[in-house]
Amino acid sequence: MAKLDPAQFVRDVKSEVAKVTWPSRKETLITTGLVLAMSTLAAVFFLVTDQLIAVAMRGVFRLG
């Protein structure tokens, strides 16, 4: 069984964090804007789809 060495763990974590390439502020803002835009687009799409289905269901049940 491997020995637990907290100091080695901290060194390994620091080494791995140094390898990470962090996005720039501009990249972060662009990505955030795209996520918000796509979320809004999806919300509007599902709102319209839901309304169309509701109108269709009301029509079907009035016929019966």
PDB file of N, CA and C in Angstrom:
ATOM      1  N   MET A   1       0.844  -1.181   0.000  1.00  0.00           N
ATOM      2  CA  MET A   1       0.000   0.000   0.000  1.00  0.00           C
ATOM      3  C   MET A   1       0.887   1.242   0.000  1.00  0.00           C
ATOM      4  N   ALA A   2       0.533   2.226  -0.787  1.00  0.00           N
ATOM      5  CA  ALA A   2       1.320   3.455  -0.919  1.00  0.00           C
ATOM      6  C   ALA A   2       1.185   4.314   0.331  1.00  0.00           C
ATOM      7  N   LYS A   3       2.320   4.964   0.704  1.00  0.00           N
ATOM      8  CA  LYS A   3       2.292   5.875   1.844  1.00  0.00           C
ATOM      9  C   LYS A   3       1.687   7.209   1.429  1.00  0.00           C
ATOM     10  N   LEU A   4       0.944   7.803   2.328  1.00  0.00           N
ATOM     11  CA  LEU A   4       0.371   9.113   2.086  1.00  0.00           C
ATOM     12  C   LEU A   4       1.377  10.172   2.498  1.00  0.00           C
ATOM     13  N   ASP A   5       1.708  11.061   1.570  1.00  0.00           N
ATOM     14  CA  ASP A   5       2.661  12.131   1.843  1.00  0.00           C
ATOM     15  C   ASP A   5       2.013  13.457   1.461  1.00  0.00           C
ATOM     16  N   PRO A   6       1.488  14.191   2.437  1.00  0.00           N
ATOM     17  CA  PRO A   6       0.812  15.453   2.133  1.00  0.00           C
ATOM     18  C   PRO A   6       1.709  16.460   1.400  1.00  0.00           C
ATOM     19  N   ALA A   7       2.978  16.503   1.740  1.00  0.00           N
ATOM     20  CA  ALA A   7       3.894  17.441   1.086  1.00  0.00           C
ATOM     21  C   ALA A   7       4.040  17.104  -0.398  1.00  0.00           C
ATOM     22  N   GLN A   8       4.148  15.824  -0.713  1.00  0.00           N
ATOM     23  CA  GLN A   8       4.248  15.402  -2.115  1.00  0.00           C
ATOM     24  C   GLN A   8       2.956  15.721  -2.861  1.00  0.00           C
ATOM     25  N   PHE A   9       1.823  15.537  -2.187  1.00  0.00           N
ATOM     26  CA  PHE A   9       0.534  15.852  -2.790  1.00  0.00           C
ATOM     27  C   PHE A   9       0.466  17.333  -3.163  1.00  0.00           C
ATOM     28  N   VAL A  10       0.885  18.208  -2.266  1.00  0.00           N
ATOM     29  CA  VAL A  10       0.867  19.649  -2.529  1.00  0.00           C
ATOM     30  C   VAL A  10       1.787  19.983  -3.695  1.00  0.00           C
ATOM     31  N   ARG A  11       2.970  19.372  -3.752  1.00  0.00           N
ATOM     32  CA  ARG A  11       3.885  19.605  -4.871  1.00  0.00           C
ATOM     33  C   ARG A  11       3.257  19.157  -6.194  1.00  0.00           C
ATOM     34  N   ASP A  12       2.591  18.004  -6.171  1.00  0.00           N
ATOM     35  CA  ASP A  12       1.936  17.503  -7.388  1.00  0.00           C
ATOM     36  C   ASP A  12       0.809  18.433  -7.832  1.00  0.00           C
ATOM     37  N   VAL A  13       0.041  18.936  -6.886  1.00  0.00           N
ATOM     38  CA  VAL A  13      -1.052  19.849  -7.216  1.00  0.00           C
ATOM     39  C   VAL A  13      -0.492  21.123  -7.837  1.00  0.00           C
ATOM     40  N   LYS A  14       0.548  21.697  -7.238  1.00  0.00           N
ATOM     41  CA  LYS A  14       1.161  22.911  -7.787  1.00  0.00           C
ATOM     42  C   LYS A  14       1.685  22.662  -9.201  1.00  0.00           C
ATOM     43  N   SER A  15       2.263  21.499  -9.414  1.00  0.00           N
ATOM     44  CA  SER A  15       2.789  21.150 -10.729  1.00  0.00           C
ATOM     45  C   SER A  15       1.662  21.066 -11.762  1.00  0.00           C
ATOM     46  N   GLU A  16       0.549  20.454 -11.395  1.00  0.00           N
ATOM     47  CA  GLU A  16      -0.581  20.315 -12.319  1.00  0.00           C
ATOM     48  C   GLU A  16      -1.245  21.662 -12.593  1.00  0.00           C
ATOM     49  N   VAL A  17      -1.384  22.503 -11.585  1.00  0.00           N
ATOM     50  CA  VAL A  17      -1.995  23.819 -11.769  1.00  0.00           C
ATOM     51  C   VAL A  17      -1.145  24.672 -12.706  1.00  0.00           C
ATOM     52  N   ALA A  18       0.154  24.501 -12.648  1.00  0.00           N
ATOM     53  CA  ALA A  18       1.045  25.267 -13.524  1.00  0.00           C
ATOM     54  C   ALA A  18       0.852  24.881 -14.993  1.00  0.00           C
ATOM     55  N   LYS A  19       0.356  23.675 -15.261  1.00  0.00           N
ATOM     56  CA  LYS A  19       0.147  23.208 -16.636  1.00  0.00           C
ATOM     57  C   LYS A  19      -1.147  23.743 -17.255  1.00  0.00           C
ATOM     58  N   VAL A  20      -2.039  24.260 -16.424  1.00  0.00           N
ATOM     59  CA  VAL A  20      -3.351  24.711 -16.905  1.00  0.00           C
ATOM     60  C   VAL A  20      -3.185  25.997 -17.710  1.00  0.00           C
ATOM     61  N   THR A  21      -3.867  26.056 -18.857  1.00  0.00           N
ATOM     62  CA  THR A  21      -3.877  27.302 -19.637  1.00  0.00           C
ATOM     63  C   THR A  21      -5.211  27.982 -19.382  1.00  0.00           C
ATOM     64  N   TRP A  22      -5.156  29.084 -18.668  1.00  0.00           N
ATOM     65  CA  TRP A  22      -6.362  29.805 -18.293  1.00  0.00           C
ATOM     66  C   TRP A  22      -6.795  30.714 -19.436  1.00  0.00           C
ATOM     67  N   PRO A  23      -8.112  30.855 -19.655  1.00  0.00           N
ATOM     68  CA  PRO A  23      -8.586  31.738 -20.726  1.00  0.00           C
ATOM     69  C   PRO A  23      -8.359  33.203 -20.356  1.00  0.00           C
ATOM     70  N   SER A  24      -8.210  34.019 -21.391  1.00  0.00           N
ATOM     71  CA  SER A  24      -8.042  35.455 -21.143  1.00  0.00           C
ATOM     72  C   SER A  24      -9.399  36.057 -20.764  1.00  0.00           C
ATOM     73  N   ARG A  25      -9.374  37.291 -20.303  1.00  0.00           N
ATOM     74  CA  ARG A  25     -10.613  37.976 -19.930  1.00  0.00           C
ATOM     75  C   ARG A  25     -11.526  38.103 -21.147  1.00  0.00           C
ATOM     76  N   LYS A  26     -10.931  38.414 -22.300  1.00  0.00           N
ATOM     77  CA  LYS A  26     -11.716  38.565 -23.527  1.00  0.00           C
ATOM     78  C   LYS A  26     -12.391  37.249 -23.897  1.00  0.00           C
ATOM     79  N   GLU A  27     -11.650  36.145 -23.850  1.00  0.00           N
ATOM     80  CA  GLU A  27     -12.217  34.835 -24.167  1.00  0.00           C
ATOM     81  C   GLU A  27     -13.351  34.482 -23.198  1.00  0.00           C
ATOM     82  N   THR A  28     -13.157  34.797 -21.936  1.00  0.00           N
ATOM     83  CA  THR A  28     -14.175  34.508 -20.934  1.00  0.00           C
ATOM     84  C   THR A  28     -15.447  35.306 -21.202  1.00  0.00           C
ATOM     85  N   LEU A  29     -15.308  36.591 -21.524  1.00  0.00           N
ATOM     86  CA  LEU A  29     -16.478  37.431 -21.804  1.00  0.00           C
ATOM     87  C   LEU A  29     -17.206  36.975 -23.061  1.00  0.00           C
ATOM     88  N   ILE A  30     -16.463  36.613 -24.103  1.00  0.00           N
ATOM     89  CA  ILE A  30     -17.084  36.137 -25.342  1.00  0.00           C
ATOM     90  C   ILE A  30     -17.844  34.838 -25.091  1.00  0.00           C
ATOM     91  N   THR A  31     -17.220  33.914 -24.394  1.00  0.00           N
ATOM     92  CA  THR A  31     -17.860  32.633 -24.108  1.00  0.00           C
ATOM     93  C   THR A  31     -19.104  32.823 -23.246  1.00  0.00           C
ATOM     94  N   THR A  32     -19.015  33.694 -22.251  1.00  0.00           N
ATOM     95  CA  THR A  32     -20.165  33.968 -21.394  1.00  0.00           C
ATOM     96  C   THR A  32     -21.311  34.561 -22.211  1.00  0.00           C
ATOM     97  N   GLY A  33     -20.994  35.497 -23.099  1.00  0.00           N
ATOM     98  CA  GLY A  33     -22.017  36.091 -23.956  1.00  0.00           C
ATOM     99  C   GLY A  33     -22.684  35.059 -24.849  1.00  0.00           C
ATOM    100  N   LEU A  34     -21.888  34.161 -25.412  1.00  0.00           N
ATOM    101  CA  LEU A  34     -22.444  33.114 -26.271  1.00  0.00           C
ATOM    102  C   LEU A  34     -23.358  32.168 -25.492  1.00  0.00           C
ATOM    103  N   VAL A  35     -22.953  31.830 -24.286  1.00  0.00           N
ATOM    104  CA  VAL A  35     -23.789  30.947 -23.459  1.00  0.00           C
ATOM    105  C   VAL A  35     -25.111  31.630 -23.127  1.00  0.00           C
ATOM    106  N   LEU A  36     -25.066  32.903 -22.759  1.00  0.00           N
ATOM    107  CA  LEU A  36     -26.301  33.630 -22.449  1.00  0.00           C
ATOM    108  C   LEU A  36     -27.197  33.749 -23.681  1.00  0.00           C
ATOM    109  N   ALA A  37     -26.604  34.032 -24.838  1.00  0.00           N
ATOM    110  CA  ALA A  37     -27.386  34.154 -26.072  1.00  0.00           C
ATOM    111  C   ALA A  37     -28.038  32.828 -26.443  1.00  0.00           C
ATOM    112  N   MET A  38     -27.290  31.740 -26.376  1.00  0.00           N
ATOM    113  CA  MET A  38     -27.840  30.437 -26.735  1.00  0.00           C
ATOM    114  C   MET A  38     -28.914  30.000 -25.740  1.00  0.00           C
ATOM    115  N   SER A  39     -28.734  30.319 -24.460  1.00  0.00           N
ATOM    116  CA  SER A  39     -29.746  29.987 -23.453  1.00  0.00           C
ATOM    117  C   SER A  39     -31.034  30.753 -23.722  1.00  0.00           C
ATOM    118  N   THR A  40     -30.905  32.024 -24.084  1.00  0.00           N
ATOM    119  CA  THR A  40     -32.077  32.831 -24.406  1.00  0.00           C
ATOM    120  C   THR A  40     -32.780  32.290 -25.641  1.00  0.00           C
ATOM    121  N   LEU A  41     -32.008  31.956 -26.653  1.00  0.00           N
ATOM    122  CA  LEU A  41     -32.573  31.388 -27.873  1.00  0.00           C
ATOM    123  C   LEU A  41     -33.318  30.081 -27.589  1.00  0.00           C
ATOM    124  N   ALA A  42     -32.731  29.225 -26.783  1.00  0.00           N
ATOM    125  CA  ALA A  42     -33.377  27.959 -26.433  1.00  0.00           C
ATOM    126  C   ALA A  42     -34.659  28.213 -25.638  1.00  0.00           C
ATOM    127  N   ALA A  43     -34.637  29.173 -24.720  1.00  0.00           N
ATOM    128  CA  ALA A  43     -35.824  29.486 -23.919  1.00  0.00           C
ATOM    129  C   ALA A  43     -36.958  29.986 -24.806  1.00  0.00           C
ATOM    130  N   VAL A  44     -36.645  30.862 -25.746  1.00  0.00           N
ATOM    131  CA  VAL A  44     -37.666  31.380 -26.655  1.00  0.00           C
ATOM    132  C   VAL A  44     -38.214  30.252 -27.534  1.00  0.00           C
ATOM    133  N   PHE A  45     -37.337  29.407 -28.039  1.00  0.00           N
ATOM    134  CA  PHE A  45     -37.768  28.277 -28.868  1.00  0.00           C
ATOM    135  C   PHE A  45     -38.745  27.388 -28.107  1.00  0.00           C
ATOM    136  N   PHE A  46     -38.394  27.028 -26.863  1.00  0.00           N
ATOM    137  CA  PHE A  46     -39.262  26.139 -26.096  1.00  0.00           C
ATOM    138  C   PHE A  46     -40.547  26.837 -25.660  1.00  0.00           C
ATOM    139  N   LEU A  47     -40.507  28.135 -25.436  1.00  0.00           N
ATOM    140  CA  LEU A  47     -41.720  28.883 -25.131  1.00  0.00           C
ATOM    141  C   LEU A  47     -42.685  28.826 -26.314  1.00  0.00           C
ATOM    142  N   VAL A  48     -42.179  29.105 -27.512  1.00  0.00           N
ATOM    143  CA  VAL A  48     -43.013  29.081 -28.721  1.00  0.00           C
ATOM    144  C   VAL A  48     -43.542  27.671 -28.973  1.00  0.00           C
ATOM    145  N   THR A  49     -42.685  26.675 -28.851  1.00  0.00           N
ATOM    146  CA  THR A  49     -43.102  25.285 -29.064  1.00  0.00           C
ATOM    147  C   THR A  49     -44.186  24.889 -28.064  1.00  0.00           C
ATOM    148  N   ASP A  50     -44.013  25.251 -26.812  1.00  0.00           N
ATOM    149  CA  ASP A  50     -44.989  24.930 -25.774  1.00  0.00           C
ATOM    150  C   ASP A  50     -46.329  25.597 -26.070  1.00  0.00           C
ATOM    151  N   GLN A  51     -46.288  26.841 -26.499  1.00  0.00           N
ATOM    152  CA  GLN A  51     -47.533  27.553 -26.817  1.00  0.00           C
ATOM    153  C   GLN A  51     -48.246  26.905 -27.993  1.00  0.00           C
ATOM    154  N   LEU A  52     -47.497  26.510 -29.015  1.00  0.00           N
ATOM    155  CA  LEU A  52     -48.107  25.840 -30.170  1.00  0.00           C
ATOM    156  C   LEU A  52     -48.748  24.512 -29.773  1.00  0.00           C
ATOM    157  N   ILE A  53     -48.072  23.759 -28.947  1.00  0.00           N
ATOM    158  CA  ILE A  53     -48.631  22.479 -28.487  1.00  0.00           C
ATOM    159  C   ILE A  53     -49.878  22.733 -27.646  1.00  0.00           C
ATOM    160  N   ALA A  54     -49.867  23.760 -26.800  1.00  0.00           N
ATOM    161  CA  ALA A  54     -51.035  24.074 -25.965  1.00  0.00           C
ATOM    162  C   ALA A  54     -52.229  24.457 -26.838  1.00  0.00           C
ATOM    163  N   VAL A  55     -52.001  25.267 -27.867  1.00  0.00           N
ATOM    164  CA  VAL A  55     -53.080  25.641 -28.777  1.00  0.00           C
ATOM    165  C   VAL A  55     -53.620  24.410 -29.494  1.00  0.00           C
ATOM    166  N   ALA A  56     -52.752  23.536 -29.943  1.00  0.00           N
ATOM    167  CA  ALA A  56     -53.180  22.311 -30.617  1.00  0.00           C
ATOM    168  C   ALA A  56     -53.998  21.422 -29.685  1.00  0.00           C
ATOM    169  N   MET A  57     -53.560  21.282 -28.439  1.00  0.00           N
ATOM    170  CA  MET A  57     -54.298  20.446 -27.482  1.00  0.00           C
ATOM    171  C   MET A  57     -55.666  21.025 -27.174  1.00  0.00           C
ATOM    172  N   ARG A  58     -55.752  22.353 -27.035  1.00  0.00           N
ATOM    173  CA  ARG A  58     -57.048  22.969 -26.799  1.00  0.00           C
ATOM    174  C   ARG A  58     -57.983  22.694 -27.985  1.00  0.00           C
ATOM    175  N   GLY A  59     -57.448  22.779 -29.182  1.00  0.00           N
ATOM    176  CA  GLY A  59     -58.252  22.483 -30.375  1.00  0.00           C
ATOM    177  C   GLY A  59     -58.713  21.051 -30.416  1.00  0.00           C
ATOM    178  N   VAL A  60     -57.856  20.121 -30.069  1.00  0.00           N
ATOM    179  CA  VAL A  60     -58.191  18.692 -30.105  1.00  0.00           C
ATOM    180  C   VAL A  60     -59.276  18.398 -29.072  1.00  0.00           C
ATOM    181  N   PHE A  61     -59.161  18.910 -27.878  1.00  0.00           N
ATOM    182  CA  PHE A  61     -60.117  18.589 -26.833  1.00  0.00           C
ATOM    183  C   PHE A  61     -61.448  19.319 -26.992  1.00  0.00           C
ATOM    184  N   ARG A  62     -61.482  20.413 -27.744  1.00  0.00           N
ATOM    185  CA  ARG A  62     -62.761  21.070 -28.039  1.00  0.00           C
ATOM    186  C   ARG A  62     -63.550  20.238 -29.045  1.00  0.00           C
ATOM    187  N   LEU A  63     -62.835  19.558 -29.929  1.00  0.00           N
ATOM    188  CA  LEU A  63     -63.513  18.739 -30.943  1.00  0.00           C
ATOM    189  C   LEU A  63     -64.233  17.546 -30.318  1.00  0.00           C
ATOM    190  N   GLY A  64     -63.656  17.017 -29.225  1.00  0.00           N
ATOM    191  CA  GLY A  64     -64.196  15.828 -28.603  1.00  0.00           C
ATOM    192  C   GLY A  64     -65.416  16.106 -27.849  1.00  0.00           C
TER     193      GLY A  64
END
